[in-house]
């Protein structure tokens, strides 16, 4: 499944990384602990978090994630969005809680198998 399909189906708002919307999503990983994401997420995952600082961009880039979904209607500041664009990292935003986004993303991806 492509990032752009997930944006449509989960009604997400793309804040950065529009060039990557055709990227394949291999799964999802939900965590607010950066070291946990580094240790356990997989390439192509969408990372679901409420973190909005610039360190998330470095983690997404390091792990070659398909993007970051920020939950609870939180939004990163302009410097973080600028860094995301520079690093070509897709940041998506949802008004839903992490639990809800995780469940919806799991349903979408598991229905593709």
PDB file of N, CA and C in Angstrom:
ATOM      1  N   UNK A   1       0.845  -1.169   0.000  1.00  0.00           N
ATOM      2  CA  UNK A   1       0.000   0.000   0.000  1.00  0.00           C
ATOM      3  C   UNK A   1       0.898   1.241   0.000  1.00  0.00           C
ATOM      4  N   UNK A   2       0.486   2.261  -0.696  1.00  0.00           N
ATOM      5  CA  UNK A   2       1.249   3.500  -0.833  1.00  0.00           C
ATOM      6  C   UNK A   2       0.850   4.506   0.253  1.00  0.00           C
ATOM      7  N   UNK A   3       1.773   5.397   0.580  1.00  0.00           N
ATOM      8  CA  UNK A   3       1.506   6.440   1.569  1.00  0.00           C
ATOM      9  C   UNK A   3       0.269   7.237   1.174  1.00  0.00           C
ATOM     10  N   UNK A   4       0.148   7.603  -0.101  1.00  0.00           N
ATOM     11  CA  UNK A   4      -0.992   8.426  -0.525  1.00  0.00           C
ATOM     12  C   UNK A   4      -2.332   7.718  -0.314  1.00  0.00           C
ATOM     13  N   UNK A   5      -2.365   6.402  -0.428  1.00  0.00           N
ATOM     14  CA  UNK A   5      -3.598   5.655  -0.174  1.00  0.00           C
ATOM     15  C   UNK A   5      -3.960   5.707   1.305  1.00  0.00           C
ATOM     16  N   UNK A   6      -2.950   5.606   2.147  1.00  0.00           N
ATOM     17  CA  UNK A   6      -3.180   5.653   3.596  1.00  0.00           C
ATOM     18  C   UNK A   6      -3.646   7.041   4.008  1.00  0.00           C
ATOM     19  N   UNK A   7      -3.068   8.077   3.411  1.00  0.00           N
ATOM     20  CA  UNK A   7      -3.512   9.448   3.697  1.00  0.00           C
ATOM     21  C   UNK A   7      -4.999   9.578   3.409  1.00  0.00           C
ATOM     22  N   UNK A   8      -5.417   9.070   2.263  1.00  0.00           N
ATOM     23  CA  UNK A   8      -6.819   9.168   1.875  1.00  0.00           C
ATOM     24  C   UNK A   8      -7.727   8.372   2.801  1.00  0.00           C
ATOM     25  N   UNK A   9      -7.358   7.121   3.063  1.00  0.00           N
ATOM     26  CA  UNK A   9      -8.232   6.238   3.840  1.00  0.00           C
ATOM     27  C   UNK A   9      -8.300   6.615   5.317  1.00  0.00           C
ATOM     28  N   UNK A  10      -7.204   7.176   5.864  1.00  0.00           N
ATOM     29  CA  UNK A  10      -7.190   7.561   7.279  1.00  0.00           C
ATOM     30  C   UNK A  10      -7.454   9.052   7.471  1.00  0.00           C
ATOM     31  N   UNK A  11      -7.703   9.753   6.366  1.00  0.00           N
ATOM     32  CA  UNK A  11      -7.981  11.186   6.401  1.00  0.00           C
ATOM     33  C   UNK A  11      -6.882  11.953   7.136  1.00  0.00           C
ATOM     34  N   UNK A  12      -5.647  11.726   6.680  1.00  0.00           N
ATOM     35  CA  UNK A  12      -4.488  12.384   7.259  1.00  0.00           C
ATOM     36  C   UNK A  12      -4.166  13.660   6.493  1.00  0.00           C
ATOM     37  N   UNK A  13      -3.452  14.538   7.142  1.00  0.00           N
ATOM     38  CA  UNK A  13      -3.005  15.785   6.527  1.00  0.00           C
ATOM     39  C   UNK A  13      -1.495  15.681   6.311  1.00  0.00           C
ATOM     40  N   UNK A  14      -1.038  15.822   5.072  1.00  0.00           N
ATOM     41  CA  UNK A  14       0.389  15.762   4.763  1.00  0.00           C
ATOM     42  C   UNK A  14       1.012  17.129   5.015  1.00  0.00           C
ATOM     43  N   UNK A  15       1.982  17.183   5.928  1.00  0.00           N
ATOM     44  CA  UNK A  15       2.637  18.434   6.281  1.00  0.00           C
ATOM     45  C   UNK A  15       3.982  18.605   5.587  1.00  0.00           C
ATOM     46  N   UNK A  16       4.592  17.498   5.163  1.00  0.00           N
ATOM     47  CA  UNK A  16       5.882  17.556   4.458  1.00  0.00           C
ATOM     48  C   UNK A  16       6.076  16.278   3.663  1.00  0.00           C
ATOM     49  N   UNK A  17       7.086  16.301   2.796  1.00  0.00           N
ATOM     50  CA  UNK A  17       7.467  15.097   2.074  1.00  0.00           C
ATOM     51  C   UNK A  17       6.516  14.664   0.986  1.00  0.00           C
ATOM     52  N   UNK A  18       5.876  15.603   0.318  1.00  0.00           N
ATOM     53  CA  UNK A  18       4.919  15.261  -0.736  1.00  0.00           C
ATOM     54  C   UNK A  18       5.561  14.449  -1.865  1.00  0.00           C
ATOM     55  N   UNK A  19       6.876  14.527  -2.008  1.00  0.00           N
ATOM     56  CA  UNK A  19       7.572  13.763  -3.049  1.00  0.00           C
ATOM     57  C   UNK A  19       7.564  12.262  -2.756  1.00  0.00           C
ATOM     58  N   UNK A  20       7.284  11.883  -1.520  1.00  0.00           N
ATOM     59  CA  UNK A  20       7.357  10.474  -1.106  1.00  0.00           C
ATOM     60  C   UNK A  20       6.003   9.792  -1.003  1.00  0.00           C
ATOM     61  N   UNK A  21       4.971  10.394  -1.515  1.00  0.00           N
ATOM     62  CA  UNK A  21       3.638   9.833  -1.314  1.00  0.00           C
ATOM     63  C   UNK A  21       3.405   8.543  -2.083  1.00  0.00           C
ATOM     64  N   UNK A  22       4.290   8.208  -3.020  1.00  0.00           N
ATOM     65  CA  UNK A  22       4.189   6.935  -3.728  1.00  0.00           C
ATOM     66  C   UNK A  22       5.032   5.844  -3.076  1.00  0.00           C
ATOM     67  N   UNK A  23       5.619   6.148  -1.924  1.00  0.00           N
ATOM     68  CA  UNK A  23       6.439   5.155  -1.218  1.00  0.00           C
ATOM     69  C   UNK A  23       5.561   4.017  -0.708  1.00  0.00           C
ATOM     70  N   UNK A  24       6.125   2.818  -0.729  1.00  0.00           N
ATOM     71  CA  UNK A  24       5.430   1.642  -0.202  1.00  0.00           C
ATOM     72  C   UNK A  24       5.509   1.629   1.318  1.00  0.00           C
ATOM     73  N   UNK A  25       4.395   1.297   1.946  1.00  0.00           N
ATOM     74  CA  UNK A  25       4.335   1.165   3.401  1.00  0.00           C
ATOM     75  C   UNK A  25       4.351  -0.322   3.731  1.00  0.00           C
ATOM     76  N   UNK A  26       5.313  -0.737   4.548  1.00  0.00           N
ATOM     77  CA  UNK A  26       5.468  -2.149   4.899  1.00  0.00           C
ATOM     78  C   UNK A  26       4.769  -2.517   6.195  1.00  0.00           C
ATOM     79  N   UNK A  27       4.380  -1.509   6.968  1.00  0.00           N
ATOM     80  CA  UNK A  27       3.742  -1.751   8.257  1.00  0.00           C
ATOM     81  C   UNK A  27       3.748  -0.475   9.065  1.00  0.00           C
ATOM     82  N   UNK A  28       3.493  -0.599  10.335  1.00  0.00           N
ATOM     83  CA  UNK A  28       3.486   0.553  11.219  1.00  0.00           C
ATOM     84  C   UNK A  28       4.211   0.238  12.503  1.00  0.00           C
ATOM     85  N   UNK A  29       4.635   1.285  13.176  1.00  0.00           N
ATOM     86  CA  UNK A  29       5.260   1.132  14.488  1.00  0.00           C
ATOM     87  C   UNK A  29       4.812   2.302  15.349  1.00  0.00           C
ATOM     88  N   UNK A  30       4.270   1.994  16.525  1.00  0.00           N
ATOM     89  CA  UNK A  30       3.753   3.016  17.420  1.00  0.00           C
ATOM     90  C   UNK A  30       4.619   3.093  18.666  1.00  0.00           C
ATOM     91  N   UNK A  31       5.226   4.266  18.874  1.00  0.00           N
ATOM     92  CA  UNK A  31       6.035   4.491  20.065  1.00  0.00           C
ATOM     93  C   UNK A  31       6.376   5.963  20.158  1.00  0.00           C
ATOM     94  N   UNK A  32       6.554   6.427  21.383  1.00  0.00           N
ATOM     95  CA  UNK A  32       6.998   7.796  21.617  1.00  0.00           C
ATOM     96  C   UNK A  32       8.437   7.828  22.121  1.00  0.00           C
ATOM     97  N   UNK A  33       9.055   6.682  22.235  1.00  0.00           N
ATOM     98  CA  UNK A  33      10.425   6.573  22.711  1.00  0.00           C
ATOM     99  C   UNK A  33      11.357   6.379  21.519  1.00  0.00           C
ATOM    100  N   UNK A  34      12.198   7.359  21.241  1.00  0.00           N
ATOM    101  CA  UNK A  34      13.037   7.325  20.046  1.00  0.00           C
ATOM    102  C   UNK A  34      13.928   6.092  19.995  1.00  0.00           C
ATOM    103  N   UNK A  35      14.527   5.725  21.120  1.00  0.00           N
ATOM    104  CA  UNK A  35      15.412   4.558  21.126  1.00  0.00           C
ATOM    105  C   UNK A  35      14.650   3.275  20.814  1.00  0.00           C
ATOM    106  N   UNK A  36      13.408   3.192  21.206  1.00  0.00           N
ATOM    107  CA  UNK A  36      12.567   2.036  20.898  1.00  0.00           C
ATOM    108  C   UNK A  36      12.308   1.961  19.390  1.00  0.00           C
ATOM    109  N   UNK A  37      12.032   3.102  18.778  1.00  0.00           N
ATOM    110  CA  UNK A  37      11.788   3.143  17.330  1.00  0.00           C
ATOM    111  C   UNK A  37      13.066   2.743  16.588  1.00  0.00           C
ATOM    112  N   UNK A  38      14.209   3.233  17.033  1.00  0.00           N
ATOM    113  CA  UNK A  38      15.480   2.869  16.406  1.00  0.00           C
ATOM    114  C   UNK A  38      15.722   1.370  16.516  1.00  0.00           C
ATOM    115  N   UNK A  39      15.411   0.801  17.651  1.00  0.00           N
ATOM    116  CA  UNK A  39      15.674  -0.621  17.884  1.00  0.00           C
ATOM    117  C   UNK A  39      14.682  -1.545  17.192  1.00  0.00           C
ATOM    118  N   UNK A  40      13.443  -1.114  17.017  1.00  0.00           N
ATOM    119  CA  UNK A  40      12.412  -2.067  16.617  1.00  0.00           C
ATOM    120  C   UNK A  40      11.620  -1.772  15.347  1.00  0.00           C
ATOM    121  N   UNK A  41      11.637  -0.552  14.856  1.00  0.00           N
ATOM    122  CA  UNK A  41      10.884  -0.272  13.629  1.00  0.00           C
ATOM    123  C   UNK A  41      11.615  -0.875  12.436  1.00  0.00           C
ATOM    124  N   UNK A  42      10.890  -1.041  11.370  1.00  0.00           N
ATOM    125  CA  UNK A  42      11.441  -1.647  10.147  1.00  0.00           C
ATOM    126  C   UNK A  42      11.374  -0.651   8.992  1.00  0.00           C
ATOM    127  N   UNK A  43      12.266  -0.823   8.042  1.00  0.00           N
ATOM    128  CA  UNK A  43      12.273   0.003   6.843  1.00  0.00           C
ATOM    129  C   UNK A  43      10.886  -0.018   6.197  1.00  0.00           C
ATOM    130  N   UNK A  44      10.398   1.142   5.812  1.00  0.00           N
ATOM    131  CA  UNK A  44       9.097   1.243   5.159  1.00  0.00           C
ATOM    132  C   UNK A  44       7.919   1.386   6.104  1.00  0.00           C
ATOM    133  N   UNK A  45       8.169   1.302   7.414  1.00  0.00           N
ATOM    134  CA  UNK A  45       7.086   1.491   8.384  1.00  0.00           C
ATOM    135  C   UNK A  45       6.645   2.945   8.434  1.00  0.00           C
ATOM    136  N   UNK A  46       5.392   3.158   8.803  1.00  0.00           N
ATOM    137  CA  UNK A  46       4.916   4.468   9.210  1.00  0.00           C
ATOM    138  C   UNK A  46       5.003   4.514  10.725  1.00  0.00           C
ATOM    139  N   UNK A  47       5.657   5.515  11.250  1.00  0.00           N
ATOM    140  CA  UNK A  47       5.857   5.661  12.685  1.00  0.00           C
ATOM    141  C   UNK A  47       4.742   6.530  13.245  1.00  0.00           C
ATOM    142  N   UNK A  48       4.005   5.998  14.204  1.00  0.00           N
ATOM    143  CA  UNK A  48       2.905   6.695  14.849  1.00  0.00           C
ATOM    144  C   UNK A  48       3.394   7.198  16.204  1.00  0.00           C
ATOM    145  N   UNK A  49       3.300   8.525  16.402  1.00  0.00           N
ATOM    146  CA  UNK A  49       3.840   9.133  17.616  1.00  0.00           C
ATOM    147  C   UNK A  49       3.165  10.463  17.908  1.00  0.00           C
ATOM    148  N   UNK A  50       3.362  10.961  19.132  1.00  0.00           N
ATOM    149  CA  UNK A  50       2.939  12.317  19.448  1.00  0.00           C
ATOM    150  C   UNK A  50       4.134  13.259  19.535  1.00  0.00           C
ATOM    151  N   UNK A  51       5.334  12.731  19.302  1.00  0.00           N
ATOM    152  CA  UNK A  51       6.546  13.561  19.320  1.00  0.00           C
ATOM    153  C   UNK A  51       6.543  14.518  18.126  1.00  0.00           C
ATOM    154  N   UNK A  52       6.956  15.759  18.357  1.00  0.00           N
ATOM    155  CA  UNK A  52       6.910  16.753  17.279  1.00  0.00           C
ATOM    156  C   UNK A  52       8.241  17.491  17.095  1.00  0.00           C
ATOM    157  N   UNK A  53       9.300  17.031  17.716  1.00  0.00           N
ATOM    158  CA  UNK A  53      10.577  17.736  17.644  1.00  0.00           C
ATOM    159  C   UNK A  53      11.454  17.211  16.502  1.00  0.00           C
ATOM    160  N   UNK A  54      12.547  17.912  16.226  1.00  0.00           N
ATOM    161  CA  UNK A  54      13.402  17.595  15.083  1.00  0.00           C
ATOM    162  C   UNK A  54      14.086  16.238  15.174  1.00  0.00           C
ATOM    163  N   UNK A  55      14.276  15.706  16.362  1.00  0.00           N
ATOM    164  CA  UNK A  55      14.940  14.402  16.480  1.00  0.00           C
ATOM    165  C   UNK A  55      14.151  13.289  15.792  1.00  0.00           C
ATOM    166  N   UNK A  56      12.844  13.485  15.653  1.00  0.00           N
ATOM    167  CA  UNK A  56      12.042  12.470  14.962  1.00  0.00           C
ATOM    168  C   UNK A  56      12.461  12.348  13.497  1.00  0.00           C
ATOM    169  N   UNK A  57      12.878  13.460  12.913  1.00  0.00           N
ATOM    170  CA  UNK A  57      13.302  13.459  11.509  1.00  0.00           C
ATOM    171  C   UNK A  57      14.549  12.597  11.352  1.00  0.00           C
ATOM    172  N   UNK A  58      15.489  12.759  12.274  1.00  0.00           N
ATOM    173  CA  UNK A  58      16.725  11.966  12.228  1.00  0.00           C
ATOM    174  C   UNK A  58      16.436  10.479  12.362  1.00  0.00           C
ATOM    175  N   UNK A  59      15.520  10.121  13.253  1.00  0.00           N
ATOM    176  CA  UNK A  59      15.172   8.707  13.451  1.00  0.00           C
ATOM    177  C   UNK A  59      14.499   8.153  12.193  1.00  0.00           C
ATOM    178  N   UNK A  60      13.563   8.882  11.631  1.00  0.00           N
ATOM    179  CA  UNK A  60      12.864   8.429  10.419  1.00  0.00           C
ATOM    180  C   UNK A  60      13.846   8.238   9.274  1.00  0.00           C
ATOM    181  N   UNK A  61      14.796   9.139   9.160  1.00  0.00           N
ATOM    182  CA  UNK A  61      15.807   9.054   8.100  1.00  0.00           C
ATOM    183  C   UNK A  61      16.734   7.854   8.340  1.00  0.00           C
ATOM    184  N   UNK A  62      17.194   7.697   9.583  1.00  0.00           N
ATOM    185  CA  UNK A  62      18.083   6.591   9.956  1.00  0.00           C
ATOM    186  C   UNK A  62      17.465   5.229   9.645  1.00  0.00           C
ATOM    187  N   UNK A  63      16.186   5.083   9.937  1.00  0.00           N
ATOM    188  CA  UNK A  63      15.494   3.802   9.766  1.00  0.00           C
ATOM    189  C   UNK A  63      14.815   3.652   8.402  1.00  0.00           C
ATOM    190  N   UNK A  64      14.927   4.675   7.549  1.00  0.00           N
ATOM    191  CA  UNK A  64      14.312   4.671   6.223  1.00  0.00           C
ATOM    192  C   UNK A  64      12.817   4.361   6.317  1.00  0.00           C
ATOM    193  N   UNK A  65      12.144   5.101   7.195  1.00  0.00           N
ATOM    194  CA  UNK A  65      10.712   4.921   7.391  1.00  0.00           C
ATOM    195  C   UNK A  65       9.935   5.578   6.254  1.00  0.00           C
ATOM    196  N   UNK A  66       8.735   5.086   6.001  1.00  0.00           N
ATOM    197  CA  UNK A  66       7.880   5.656   4.960  1.00  0.00           C
ATOM    198  C   UNK A  66       7.351   7.020   5.378  1.00  0.00           C
ATOM    199  N   UNK A  67       7.348   7.286   6.669  1.00  0.00           N
ATOM    200  CA  UNK A  67       6.889   8.572   7.168  1.00  0.00           C
ATOM    201  C   UNK A  67       6.553   8.512   8.640  1.00  0.00           C
ATOM    202  N   UNK A  68       6.128   9.655   9.141  1.00  0.00           N
ATOM    203  CA  UNK A  68       5.745   9.811  10.538  1.00  0.00           C
ATOM    204  C   UNK A  68       4.299  10.278  10.569  1.00  0.00           C
ATOM    205  N   UNK A  69       3.476   9.634  11.391  1.00  0.00           N
ATOM    206  CA  UNK A  69       2.115  10.102  11.627  1.00  0.00           C
ATOM    207  C   UNK A  69       2.087  10.675  13.033  1.00  0.00           C
ATOM    208  N   UNK A  70       1.847  11.971  13.118  1.00  0.00           N
ATOM    209  CA  UNK A  70       1.739  12.636  14.412  1.00  0.00           C
ATOM    210  C   UNK A  70       0.269  12.664  14.803  1.00  0.00           C
ATOM    211  N   UNK A  71      -0.019  12.218  16.014  1.00  0.00           N
ATOM    212  CA  UNK A  71      -1.399  12.048  16.478  1.00  0.00           C
ATOM    213  C   UNK A  71      -1.839  13.186  17.398  1.00  0.00           C
ATOM    214  N   UNK A  72      -3.095  13.106  17.823  1.00  0.00           N
ATOM    215  CA  UNK A  72      -3.698  14.045  18.780  1.00  0.00           C
ATOM    216  C   UNK A  72      -3.706  15.479  18.267  1.00  0.00           C
ATOM    217  N   UNK A  73      -3.735  15.635  16.952  1.00  0.00           N
ATOM    218  CA  UNK A  73      -3.783  16.950  16.312  1.00  0.00           C
ATOM    219  C   UNK A  73      -2.599  17.845  16.691  1.00  0.00           C
ATOM    220  N   UNK A  74      -1.486  17.229  17.072  1.00  0.00           N
ATOM    221  CA  UNK A  74      -0.266  17.992  17.372  1.00  0.00           C
ATOM    222  C   UNK A  74       0.428  18.320  16.055  1.00  0.00           C
ATOM    223  N   UNK A  75       1.129  19.428  16.039  1.00  0.00           N
ATOM    224  CA  UNK A  75       1.825  19.836  14.821  1.00  0.00           C
ATOM    225  C   UNK A  75       3.237  20.296  15.168  1.00  0.00           C
ATOM    226  N   UNK A  76       4.211  19.880  14.366  1.00  0.00           N
ATOM    227  CA  UNK A  76       5.584  20.338  14.601  1.00  0.00           C
ATOM    228  C   UNK A  76       5.740  21.813  14.234  1.00  0.00           C
ATOM    229  N   UNK A  77       6.782  22.439  14.795  1.00  0.00           N
ATOM    230  CA  UNK A  77       7.034  23.841  14.460  1.00  0.00           C
ATOM    231  C   UNK A  77       7.640  23.958  13.062  1.00  0.00           C
ATOM    232  N   UNK A  78       7.756  25.171  12.597  1.00  0.00           N
ATOM    233  CA  UNK A  78       8.255  25.427  11.239  1.00  0.00           C
ATOM    234  C   UNK A  78       9.669  24.898  11.021  1.00  0.00           C
ATOM    235  N   UNK A  79      10.538  24.985  12.043  1.00  0.00           N
ATOM    236  CA  UNK A  79      11.907  24.481  11.901  1.00  0.00           C
ATOM    237  C   UNK A  79      11.923  22.971  11.676  1.00  0.00           C
ATOM    238  N   UNK A  80      11.049  22.261  12.363  1.00  0.00           N
ATOM    239  CA  UNK A  80      10.963  20.807  12.189  1.00  0.00           C
ATOM    240  C   UNK A  80      10.443  20.466  10.801  1.00  0.00           C
ATOM    241  N   UNK A  81       9.435  21.185  10.348  1.00  0.00           N
ATOM    242  CA  UNK A  81       8.904  20.945   9.002  1.00  0.00           C
ATOM    243  C   UNK A  81       9.949  21.266   7.935  1.00  0.00           C
ATOM    244  N   UNK A  82      10.704  22.313   8.149  1.00  0.00           N
ATOM    245  CA  UNK A  82      11.773  22.667   7.211  1.00  0.00           C
ATOM    246  C   UNK A  82      12.817  21.559   7.148  1.00  0.00           C
ATOM    247  N   UNK A  83      13.193  21.029   8.318  1.00  0.00           N
ATOM    248  CA  UNK A  83      14.167  19.931   8.375  1.00  0.00           C
ATOM    249  C   UNK A  83      13.607  18.692   7.679  1.00  0.00           C
ATOM    250  N   UNK A  84      12.334  18.418   7.861  1.00  0.00           N
ATOM    251  CA  UNK A  84      11.694  17.267   7.209  1.00  0.00           C
ATOM    252  C   UNK A  84      11.765  17.415   5.689  1.00  0.00           C
ATOM    253  N   UNK A  85      11.513  18.606   5.190  1.00  0.00           N
ATOM    254  CA  UNK A  85      11.599  18.837   3.747  1.00  0.00           C
ATOM    255  C   UNK A  85      13.033  18.662   3.253  1.00  0.00           C
ATOM    256  N   UNK A  86      13.993  19.192   4.003  1.00  0.00           N
ATOM    257  CA  UNK A  86      15.402  19.062   3.618  1.00  0.00           C
ATOM    258  C   UNK A  86      15.840  17.602   3.559  1.00  0.00           C
ATOM    259  N   UNK A  87      15.338  16.806   4.500  1.00  0.00           N
ATOM    260  CA  UNK A  87      15.710  15.387   4.592  1.00  0.00           C
ATOM    261  C   UNK A  87      14.765  14.474   3.816  1.00  0.00           C
ATOM    262  N   UNK A  88      13.752  15.071   3.183  1.00  0.00           N
ATOM    263  CA  UNK A  88      12.784  14.316   2.396  1.00  0.00           C
ATOM    264  C   UNK A  88      12.027  13.283   3.242  1.00  0.00           C
ATOM    265  N   UNK A  89      11.570  13.722   4.412  1.00  0.00           N
ATOM    266  CA  UNK A  89      10.812  12.872   5.333  1.00  0.00           C
ATOM    267  C   UNK A  89       9.352  13.324   5.322  1.00  0.00           C
ATOM    268  N   UNK A  90       8.462  12.383   5.130  1.00  0.00           N
ATOM    269  CA  UNK A  90       7.031  12.676   5.105  1.00  0.00           C
ATOM    270  C   UNK A  90       6.488  12.744   6.527  1.00  0.00           C
ATOM    271  N   UNK A  91       5.847  13.859   6.840  1.00  0.00           N
ATOM    272  CA  UNK A  91       5.165  14.010   8.122  1.00  0.00           C
ATOM    273  C   UNK A  91       3.676  14.150   7.836  1.00  0.00           C
ATOM    274  N   UNK A  92       2.905  13.309   8.499  1.00  0.00           N
ATOM    275  CA  UNK A  92       1.451  13.308   8.370  1.00  0.00           C
ATOM    276  C   UNK A  92       0.851  13.626   9.730  1.00  0.00           C
ATOM    277  N   UNK A  93      -0.341  14.174   9.735  1.00  0.00           N
ATOM    278  CA  UNK A  93      -0.981  14.581  10.981  1.00  0.00           C
ATOM    279  C   UNK A  93      -2.381  13.974  11.056  1.00  0.00           C
ATOM    280  N   UNK A  94      -2.752  13.552  12.267  1.00  0.00           N
ATOM    281  CA  UNK A  94      -4.082  13.002  12.508  1.00  0.00           C
ATOM    282  C   UNK A  94      -4.685  13.632  13.760  1.00  0.00           C
ATOM    283  N   UNK A  95      -5.983  13.794  13.748  1.00  0.00           N
ATOM    284  CA  UNK A  95      -6.682  14.268  14.947  1.00  0.00           C
ATOM    285  C   UNK A  95      -6.950  13.120  15.915  1.00  0.00           C
ATOM    286  N   UNK A  96      -6.800  11.890  15.452  1.00  0.00           N
ATOM    287  CA  UNK A  96      -7.077  10.709  16.278  1.00  0.00           C
ATOM    288  C   UNK A  96      -5.949  10.423  17.265  1.00  0.00           C
ATOM    289  N   UNK A  97      -6.259   9.601  18.269  1.00  0.00           N
ATOM    290  CA  UNK A  97      -5.257   9.127  19.225  1.00  0.00           C
ATOM    291  C   UNK A  97      -4.403   8.038  18.575  1.00  0.00           C
ATOM    292  N   UNK A  98      -3.237   7.791  19.140  1.00  0.00           N
ATOM    293  CA  UNK A  98      -2.326   6.774  18.618  1.00  0.00           C
ATOM    294  C   UNK A  98      -3.000   5.403  18.543  1.00  0.00           C
ATOM    295  N   UNK A  99      -3.783   5.048  19.533  1.00  0.00           N
ATOM    296  CA  UNK A  99      -4.474   3.770  19.570  1.00  0.00           C
ATOM    297  C   UNK A  99      -5.378   3.608  18.345  1.00  0.00           C
ATOM    298  N   UNK A 100      -6.136   4.641  18.037  1.00  0.00           N
ATOM    299  CA  UNK A 100      -7.057   4.591  16.902  1.00  0.00           C
ATOM    300  C   UNK A 100      -6.308   4.517  15.570  1.00  0.00           C
ATOM    301  N   UNK A 101      -5.285   5.345  15.415  1.00  0.00           N
ATOM    302  CA  UNK A 101      -4.511   5.343  14.169  1.00  0.00           C
ATOM    303  C   UNK A 101      -3.830   3.993  13.978  1.00  0.00           C
ATOM    304  N   UNK A 102      -3.279   3.451  15.049  1.00  0.00           N
ATOM    305  CA  UNK A 102      -2.604   2.147  14.971  1.00  0.00           C
ATOM    306  C   UNK A 102      -3.569   1.064  14.513  1.00  0.00           C
ATOM    307  N   UNK A 103      -4.755   1.044  15.089  1.00  0.00           N
ATOM    308  CA  UNK A 103      -5.748   0.042  14.717  1.00  0.00           C
ATOM    309  C   UNK A 103      -6.199   0.173  13.272  1.00  0.00           C
ATOM    310  N   UNK A 104      -6.452   1.395  12.847  1.00  0.00           N
ATOM    311  CA  UNK A 104      -6.890   1.630  11.469  1.00  0.00           C
ATOM    312  C   UNK A 104      -5.792   1.259  10.474  1.00  0.00           C
ATOM    313  N   UNK A 105      -4.547   1.630  10.797  1.00  0.00           N
ATOM    314  CA  UNK A 105      -3.437   1.305   9.902  1.00  0.00           C
ATOM    315  C   UNK A 105      -3.235  -0.206   9.837  1.00  0.00           C
ATOM    316  N   UNK A 106      -3.338  -0.875  10.967  1.00  0.00           N
ATOM    317  CA  UNK A 106      -3.205  -2.337  10.987  1.00  0.00           C
ATOM    318  C   UNK A 106      -4.280  -2.974  10.095  1.00  0.00           C
ATOM    319  N   UNK A 107      -5.501  -2.536  10.204  1.00  0.00           N
ATOM    320  CA  UNK A 107      -6.581  -3.090   9.383  1.00  0.00           C
ATOM    321  C   UNK A 107      -6.308  -2.891   7.896  1.00  0.00           C
ATOM    322  N   UNK A 108      -5.864  -1.704   7.525  1.00  0.00           N
ATOM    323  CA  UNK A 108      -5.582  -1.418   6.120  1.00  0.00           C
ATOM    324  C   UNK A 108      -4.485  -2.318   5.574  1.00  0.00           C
ATOM    325  N   UNK A 109      -3.404  -2.406   6.301  1.00  0.00           N
ATOM    326  CA  UNK A 109      -2.256  -3.164   5.818  1.00  0.00           C
ATOM    327  C   UNK A 109      -2.515  -4.659   5.855  1.00  0.00           C
ATOM    328  N   UNK A 110      -3.167  -5.146   6.893  1.00  0.00           N
ATOM    329  CA  UNK A 110      -3.422  -6.589   6.980  1.00  0.00           C
ATOM    330  C   UNK A 110      -4.445  -7.042   5.947  1.00  0.00           C
ATOM    331  N   UNK A 111      -5.316  -6.148   5.503  1.00  0.00           N
ATOM    332  CA  UNK A 111      -6.299  -6.520   4.472  1.00  0.00           C
ATOM    333  C   UNK A 111      -5.633  -6.658   3.095  1.00  0.00           C
ATOM    334  N   UNK A 112      -4.411  -6.170   2.949  1.00  0.00           N
ATOM    335  CA  UNK A 112      -3.670  -6.264   1.685  1.00  0.00           C
ATOM    336  C   UNK A 112      -2.998  -7.626   1.509  1.00  0.00           C
ATOM    337  N   UNK A 113      -2.843  -8.349   2.606  1.00  0.00           N
ATOM    338  CA  UNK A 113      -2.132  -9.657   2.542  1.00  0.00           C
ATOM    339  C   UNK A 113      -2.956 -10.733   1.902  1.00  0.00           C
TER     340      UNK A 113
END
